[in-house]
Amino acid sequence: MATPDFEEIRGRVRGLLIALGPILSSDEAGEVDELLEHAELGEGLRTLAWLIVEEEKVVAPADIREIESLAVRMGIVDELPPGLSQYGVDDG
């Protein structure tokens, strides 16, 4: 049985996936979604962060902050890609 904390984190990672949907390919989004479906929240968040860096996707700074905040909460900060914050760019 999933805990409220688990469900909250899964909801927040799903929210990121939805917010970043326009810049992700269907394969990329599907990869992260499948991890979330299998309760692999940390791996899903890591994959999302690495996709941003490896594919050089430009995202809102708030999305980067959300990834970093969730990583702190899950204890996986050291597993995020270096330089992630440089991909958070204001659009105006």
Protein backbone atom coordinates (compact mmCIF):
# COMPACT_ATOMS: atom_id res chain seq x y z
CA MET A 1 0.00 0.00 0.00
CA ALA A 2 1.40 3.37 -1.01
CA THR A 3 1.89 6.01 1.66
CA PRO A 4 0.53 9.57 1.34
CA ASP A 5 4.14 10.77 1.02
CA PHE A 6 4.77 8.33 -1.84
CA GLU A 7 1.59 9.44 -3.62
CA GLU A 8 2.48 13.10 -3.17
CA ILE A 9 5.95 12.60 -4.65
CA ARG A 10 4.57 10.52 -7.52
CA GLY A 11 2.03 13.28 -8.20
CA ARG A 12 4.73 15.93 -8.23
CA VAL A 13 6.94 13.93 -10.61
CA ARG A 14 3.89 13.34 -12.85
CA GLY A 15 3.23 17.08 -12.72
CA LEU A 16 6.74 17.70 -13.97
CA LEU A 17 6.23 15.17 -16.73
CA ILE A 18 3.06 16.97 -17.80
CA ALA A 19 4.70 20.41 -17.60
CA LEU A 20 7.66 19.21 -19.67
CA GLY A 21 5.46 17.27 -22.11
CA PRO A 22 5.80 19.82 -24.91
CA ILE A 23 9.61 19.47 -24.97
CA LEU A 24 9.78 15.70 -24.53
CA SER A 25 9.41 13.19 -27.33
CA SER A 26 6.71 10.58 -26.88
CA ASP A 27 9.45 7.97 -26.28
CA GLU A 28 11.09 10.12 -23.59
CA ALA A 29 7.80 10.82 -21.83
CA GLY A 30 6.83 7.16 -22.10
CA GLU A 31 10.11 6.05 -20.53
CA VAL A 32 9.58 8.26 -17.49
CA ASP A 33 5.88 7.39 -17.24
CA GLU A 34 6.65 3.67 -17.28
CA LEU A 35 9.08 4.10 -14.39
CA LEU A 36 6.42 5.97 -12.41
CA GLU A 37 3.88 3.22 -13.16
CA HIS A 38 6.30 0.69 -11.67
CA ALA A 39 6.79 2.83 -8.54
CA GLU A 40 10.36 3.73 -9.54
CA LEU A 41 10.03 7.38 -8.50
CA GLY A 42 13.74 8.07 -7.99
CA GLU A 43 14.66 6.46 -11.29
CA GLY A 44 11.89 8.40 -13.03
CA LEU A 45 13.12 11.71 -11.64
CA ARG A 46 16.75 10.88 -12.46
CA THR A 47 15.79 9.89 -15.99
CA LEU A 48 13.89 13.12 -16.47
CA ALA A 49 16.85 15.18 -15.23
CA TRP A 50 19.33 13.29 -17.42
CA LEU A 51 17.06 13.69 -20.47
CA ILE A 52 17.07 17.44 -19.94
CA VAL A 53 20.87 17.57 -19.84
CA GLU A 54 21.73 14.94 -22.44
CA GLU A 55 19.20 16.25 -24.96
CA GLU A 56 19.99 19.90 -24.06
CA LYS A 57 16.38 20.79 -23.38
CA VAL A 58 15.62 24.27 -22.13
CA VAL A 59 13.07 24.31 -19.31
CA ALA A 60 11.66 26.82 -16.86
CA PRO A 61 13.80 27.49 -13.79
CA ALA A 62 10.82 26.49 -11.63
CA ASP A 63 10.90 23.01 -13.16
CA ILE A 64 14.61 22.67 -12.37
CA ARG A 65 13.95 23.80 -8.80
CA GLU A 66 11.16 21.22 -8.50
CA ILE A 67 13.47 18.45 -9.74
CA GLU A 68 16.16 19.51 -7.28
CA SER A 69 13.67 19.79 -4.41
CA LEU A 70 12.28 16.32 -5.06
CA ALA A 71 15.80 14.91 -5.38
CA VAL A 72 16.65 16.33 -1.95
CA ARG A 73 13.51 14.83 -0.49
CA MET A 74 14.29 11.42 -2.03
CA GLY A 75 17.99 11.56 -1.13
CA ILE A 76 19.20 11.30 -4.72
CA VAL A 77 20.76 14.73 -5.25
CA ASP A 78 24.16 13.18 -5.97
CA GLU A 79 22.59 11.19 -8.82
CA LEU A 80 21.41 14.24 -10.76
CA PRO A 81 23.46 15.28 -13.78
CA PRO A 82 26.06 18.00 -13.27
CA GLY A 83 25.06 21.33 -14.74
CA LEU A 84 21.31 20.65 -14.56
CA SER A 85 20.59 24.18 -13.35
CA GLN A 86 22.02 25.75 -16.50
CA TYR A 87 19.09 24.31 -18.49
CA GLY A 88 16.59 26.39 -16.54
CA VAL A 89 16.03 29.50 -18.61
CA ASP A 90 13.37 32.19 -18.26
CA ASP A 91 11.43 32.62 -21.47
CA GLY A 92 10.98 36.30 -21.24
